[in-house]
Amino acid sequence: MKSHYLGEEVKVSFVNQRALRQSCVLDCAGEQGRGNWSAGGTKVGAVNELGL
């Protein structure tokens, strides 16, 4: 599982993927995979490849 963060590939574990999915629901709604992901309390701009 991978997501791009500032042009770098970041591997995302299944546990983190689930957490990102849950925290991303409101932030990414209607953004088609682009938006602010809240990960560990940090807002990051991400383009996901996880089909979330």
PDB file of N, CA and C in Angstrom:
ATOM      1  N   MET A   1       0.835  -1.186   0.000  1.00  0.00           N
ATOM      2  CA  MET A   1       0.000   0.000   0.000  1.00  0.00           C
ATOM      3  C   MET A   1       0.876   1.244   0.000  1.00  0.00           C
ATOM      4  N   LYS A   2       0.565   2.171  -0.884  1.00  0.00           N
ATOM      5  CA  LYS A   2       1.411   3.351  -1.005  1.00  0.00           C
ATOM      6  C   LYS A   2       0.566   4.617  -1.131  1.00  0.00           C
ATOM      7  N   SER A   3       1.127   5.709  -0.659  1.00  0.00           N
ATOM      8  CA  SER A   3       0.525   7.011  -0.930  1.00  0.00           C
ATOM      9  C   SER A   3       1.667   7.971  -1.205  1.00  0.00           C
ATOM     10  N   HIS A   4       1.406   8.978  -2.007  1.00  0.00           N
ATOM     11  CA  HIS A   4       2.450   9.936  -2.331  1.00  0.00           C
ATOM     12  C   HIS A   4       2.351  11.143  -1.407  1.00  0.00           C
ATOM     13  N   TYR A   5       3.463  11.494  -0.792  1.00  0.00           N
ATOM     14  CA  TYR A   5       3.522  12.650   0.094  1.00  0.00           C
ATOM     15  C   TYR A   5       4.713  13.487  -0.326  1.00  0.00           C
ATOM     16  N   LEU A   6       4.463  14.653  -0.860  1.00  0.00           N
ATOM     17  CA  LEU A   6       5.514  15.533  -1.356  1.00  0.00           C
ATOM     18  C   LEU A   6       6.413  14.821  -2.354  1.00  0.00           C
ATOM     19  N   GLY A   7       5.803  14.003  -3.212  1.00  0.00           N
ATOM     20  CA  GLY A   7       6.540  13.346  -4.273  1.00  0.00           C
ATOM     21  C   GLY A   7       7.276  12.095  -3.834  1.00  0.00           C
ATOM     22  N   GLU A   8       7.203  11.743  -2.558  1.00  0.00           N
ATOM     23  CA  GLU A   8       7.897  10.565  -2.075  1.00  0.00           C
ATOM     24  C   GLU A   8       6.905   9.451  -1.811  1.00  0.00           C
ATOM     25  N   GLU A   9       7.339   8.227  -2.057  1.00  0.00           N
ATOM     26  CA  GLU A   9       6.491   7.078  -1.794  1.00  0.00           C
ATOM     27  C   GLU A   9       6.550   6.737  -0.316  1.00  0.00           C
ATOM     28  N   VAL A  10       5.396   6.611   0.264  1.00  0.00           N
ATOM     29  CA  VAL A  10       5.319   6.267   1.679  1.00  0.00           C
ATOM     30  C   VAL A  10       4.503   4.992   1.819  1.00  0.00           C
ATOM     31  N   LYS A  11       5.133   3.993   2.393  1.00  0.00           N
ATOM     32  CA  LYS A  11       4.415   2.732   2.594  1.00  0.00           C
ATOM     33  C   LYS A  11       3.484   2.882   3.793  1.00  0.00           C
ATOM     34  N   VAL A  12       2.271   2.383   3.621  1.00  0.00           N
ATOM     35  CA  VAL A  12       1.268   2.503   4.661  1.00  0.00           C
ATOM     36  C   VAL A  12       0.840   1.101   5.081  1.00  0.00           C
ATOM     37  N   SER A  13       0.981   0.818   6.365  1.00  0.00           N
ATOM     38  CA  SER A  13       0.576  -0.495   6.861  1.00  0.00           C
ATOM     39  C   SER A  13      -0.944  -0.590   6.853  1.00  0.00           C
ATOM     40  N   PHE A  14      -1.458  -1.807   6.972  1.00  0.00           N
ATOM     41  CA  PHE A  14      -2.904  -1.993   6.964  1.00  0.00           C
ATOM     42  C   PHE A  14      -3.551  -1.267   8.139  1.00  0.00           C
ATOM     43  N   VAL A  15      -2.887  -1.259   9.278  1.00  0.00           N
ATOM     44  CA  VAL A  15      -3.426  -0.565  10.450  1.00  0.00           C
ATOM     45  C   VAL A  15      -3.484   0.926  10.190  1.00  0.00           C
ATOM     46  N   ASN A  16      -2.390   1.489   9.678  1.00  0.00           N
ATOM     47  CA  ASN A  16      -2.367   2.917   9.375  1.00  0.00           C
ATOM     48  C   ASN A  16      -3.340   3.267   8.262  1.00  0.00           C
ATOM     49  N   GLN A  17      -3.473   2.349   7.300  1.00  0.00           N
ATOM     50  CA  GLN A  17      -4.418   2.580   6.207  1.00  0.00           C
ATOM     51  C   GLN A  17      -5.821   2.744   6.755  1.00  0.00           C
ATOM     52  N   ARG A  18      -6.175   1.891   7.714  1.00  0.00           N
ATOM     53  CA  ARG A  18      -7.510   1.956   8.303  1.00  0.00           C
ATOM     54  C   ARG A  18      -7.702   3.270   9.071  1.00  0.00           C
ATOM     55  N   ALA A  19      -6.671   3.654   9.810  1.00  0.00           N
ATOM     56  CA  ALA A  19      -6.740   4.909  10.568  1.00  0.00           C
ATOM     57  C   ALA A  19      -6.863   6.100   9.627  1.00  0.00           C
ATOM     58  N   LEU A  20      -6.080   6.071   8.528  1.00  0.00           N
ATOM     59  CA  LEU A  20      -6.144   7.154   7.550  1.00  0.00           C
ATOM     60  C   LEU A  20      -7.518   7.209   6.905  1.00  0.00           C
ATOM     61  N   ARG A  21      -8.077   6.040   6.601  1.00  0.00           N
ATOM     62  CA  ARG A  21      -9.400   5.994   5.984  1.00  0.00           C
ATOM     63  C   ARG A  21     -10.418   6.651   6.904  1.00  0.00           C
ATOM     64  N   GLN A  22     -10.356   6.328   8.195  1.00  0.00           N
ATOM     65  CA  GLN A  22     -11.337   6.848   9.144  1.00  0.00           C
ATOM     66  C   GLN A  22     -11.186   8.353   9.337  1.00  0.00           C
ATOM     67  N   SER A  23      -9.931   8.824   9.431  1.00  0.00           N
ATOM     68  CA  SER A  23      -9.712  10.245   9.684  1.00  0.00           C
ATOM     69  C   SER A  23      -9.891  11.078   8.415  1.00  0.00           C
ATOM     70  N   CYS A  24      -9.876  10.404   7.263  1.00  0.00           N
ATOM     71  CA  CYS A  24      -9.937  11.095   5.982  1.00  0.00           C
ATOM     72  C   CYS A  24     -11.369  11.272   5.488  1.00  0.00           C
ATOM     73  N   VAL A  25     -12.318  10.589   6.127  1.00  0.00           N
ATOM     74  CA  VAL A  25     -13.687  10.569   5.618  1.00  0.00           C
ATOM     75  C   VAL A  25     -14.234  11.970   5.395  1.00  0.00           C
ATOM     76  N   LEU A  26     -14.157  12.827   6.413  1.00  0.00           N
ATOM     77  CA  LEU A  26     -14.716  14.172   6.285  1.00  0.00           C
ATOM     78  C   LEU A  26     -13.824  15.074   5.455  1.00  0.00           C
ATOM     79  N   ASP A  27     -12.513  15.006   5.700  1.00  0.00           N
ATOM     80  CA  ASP A  27     -11.585  15.899   5.007  1.00  0.00           C
ATOM     81  C   ASP A  27     -11.566  15.652   3.502  1.00  0.00           C
ATOM     82  N   CYS A  28     -11.660  14.373   3.122  1.00  0.00           N
ATOM     83  CA  CYS A  28     -11.494  14.023   1.716  1.00  0.00           C
ATOM     84  C   CYS A  28     -12.828  13.824   0.985  1.00  0.00           C
ATOM     85  N   ALA A  29     -13.927  14.018   1.695  1.00  0.00           N
ATOM     86  CA  ALA A  29     -15.228  13.776   1.080  1.00  0.00           C
ATOM     87  C   ALA A  29     -15.397  14.629  -0.167  1.00  0.00           C
ATOM     88  N   GLY A  30     -15.666  13.959  -1.290  1.00  0.00           N
ATOM     89  CA  GLY A  30     -15.911  14.674  -2.529  1.00  0.00           C
ATOM     90  C   GLY A  30     -14.644  15.163  -3.210  1.00  0.00           C
ATOM     91  N   GLU A  31     -13.491  14.846  -2.638  1.00  0.00           N
ATOM     92  CA  GLU A  31     -12.234  15.323  -3.211  1.00  0.00           C
ATOM     93  C   GLU A  31     -11.567  14.280  -4.090  1.00  0.00           C
ATOM     94  N   GLN A  32     -12.201  13.126  -4.260  1.00  0.00           N
ATOM     95  CA  GLN A  32     -11.693  12.071  -5.132  1.00  0.00           C
ATOM     96  C   GLN A  32     -10.258  11.695  -4.793  1.00  0.00           C
ATOM     97  N   GLY A  33      -9.998  11.480  -3.490  1.00  0.00           N
ATOM     98  CA  GLY A  33      -8.687  10.995  -3.075  1.00  0.00           C
ATOM     99  C   GLY A  33      -7.676  12.079  -2.770  1.00  0.00           C
ATOM    100  N   ARG A  34      -8.044  13.343  -3.000  1.00  0.00           N
ATOM    101  CA  ARG A  34      -7.116  14.429  -2.663  1.00  0.00           C
ATOM    102  C   ARG A  34      -7.697  15.230  -1.506  1.00  0.00           C
ATOM    103  N   GLY A  35      -6.850  15.585  -0.576  1.00  0.00           N
ATOM    104  CA  GLY A  35      -7.343  16.385   0.531  1.00  0.00           C
ATOM    105  C   GLY A  35      -6.401  16.313   1.716  1.00  0.00           C
ATOM    106  N   ASN A  36      -6.841  16.830   2.832  1.00  0.00           N
ATOM    107  CA  ASN A  36      -6.025  16.833   4.038  1.00  0.00           C
ATOM    108  C   ASN A  36      -6.281  15.558   4.820  1.00  0.00           C
ATOM    109  N   TRP A  37      -5.217  14.773   4.968  1.00  0.00           N
ATOM    110  CA  TRP A  37      -5.326  13.563   5.774  1.00  0.00           C
ATOM    111  C   TRP A  37      -4.832  13.879   7.165  1.00  0.00           C
ATOM    112  N   SER A  38      -5.601  13.516   8.161  1.00  0.00           N
ATOM    113  CA  SER A  38      -5.163  13.707   9.531  1.00  0.00           C
ATOM    114  C   SER A  38      -4.502  12.417   9.990  1.00  0.00           C
ATOM    115  N   ALA A  39      -3.178  12.438  10.059  1.00  0.00           N
ATOM    116  CA  ALA A  39      -2.427  11.245  10.467  1.00  0.00           C
ATOM    117  C   ALA A  39      -1.607  11.572  11.693  1.00  0.00           C
ATOM    118  N   GLY A  40      -1.926  10.958  12.800  1.00  0.00           N
ATOM    119  CA  GLY A  40      -1.207  11.238  14.031  1.00  0.00           C
ATOM    120  C   GLY A  40      -1.357  12.686  14.464  1.00  0.00           C
ATOM    121  N   GLY A  41      -2.474  13.298  14.109  1.00  0.00           N
ATOM    122  CA  GLY A  41      -2.730  14.673  14.486  1.00  0.00           C
ATOM    123  C   GLY A  41      -2.078  15.677  13.547  1.00  0.00           C
ATOM    124  N   THR A  42      -1.410  15.188  12.495  1.00  0.00           N
ATOM    125  CA  THR A  42      -0.733  16.078  11.557  1.00  0.00           C
ATOM    126  C   THR A  42      -1.499  16.131  10.242  1.00  0.00           C
ATOM    127  N   LYS A  43      -1.769  17.324   9.770  1.00  0.00           N
ATOM    128  CA  LYS A  43      -2.438  17.491   8.491  1.00  0.00           C
ATOM    129  C   LYS A  43      -1.407  17.446   7.378  1.00  0.00           C
ATOM    130  N   VAL A  44      -1.636  16.569   6.406  1.00  0.00           N
ATOM    131  CA  VAL A  44      -0.713  16.471   5.284  1.00  0.00           C
ATOM    132  C   VAL A  44      -1.478  16.480   3.982  1.00  0.00           C
ATOM    133  N   GLY A  45      -0.894  17.058   2.953  1.00  0.00           N
ATOM    134  CA  GLY A  45      -1.491  17.007   1.625  1.00  0.00           C
ATOM    135  C   GLY A  45      -1.055  15.707   0.982  1.00  0.00           C
ATOM    136  N   ALA A  46      -2.003  14.898   0.555  1.00  0.00           N
ATOM    137  CA  ALA A  46      -1.646  13.580   0.030  1.00  0.00           C
ATOM    138  C   ALA A  46      -2.479  13.225  -1.185  1.00  0.00           C
ATOM    139  N   VAL A  47      -1.893  12.445  -2.064  1.00  0.00           N
ATOM    140  CA  VAL A  47      -2.615  11.849  -3.174  1.00  0.00           C
ATOM    141  C   VAL A  47      -2.570  10.352  -2.924  1.00  0.00           C
ATOM    142  N   ASN A  48      -3.726   9.751  -2.648  1.00  0.00           N
ATOM    143  CA  ASN A  48      -3.685   8.352  -2.238  1.00  0.00           C
ATOM    144  C   ASN A  48      -3.852   7.407  -3.408  1.00  0.00           C
ATOM    145  N   GLU A  49      -3.277   6.230  -3.261  1.00  0.00           N
ATOM    146  CA  GLU A  49      -3.394   5.167  -4.258  1.00  0.00           C
ATOM    147  C   GLU A  49      -4.063   3.966  -3.625  1.00  0.00           C
ATOM    148  N   LEU A  50      -4.825   4.217  -2.561  1.00  0.00           N
ATOM    149  CA  LEU A  50      -5.400   3.118  -1.797  1.00  0.00           C
ATOM    150  C   LEU A  50      -6.863   2.892  -2.161  1.00  0.00           C
ATOM    151  N   GLY A  51      -7.402   3.724  -3.028  1.00  0.00           N
ATOM    152  CA  GLY A  51      -8.805   3.593  -3.402  1.00  0.00           C
ATOM    153  C   GLY A  51      -9.743   3.901  -2.258  1.00  0.00           C
ATOM    154  N   LEU A  52      -9.359   4.825  -1.387  1.00  0.00           N
ATOM    155  CA  LEU A  52     -10.179   5.148  -0.214  1.00  0.00           C
ATOM    156  C   LEU A  52     -11.332   6.053  -0.616  1.00  0.00           C
TER     157      LEU A  52
END
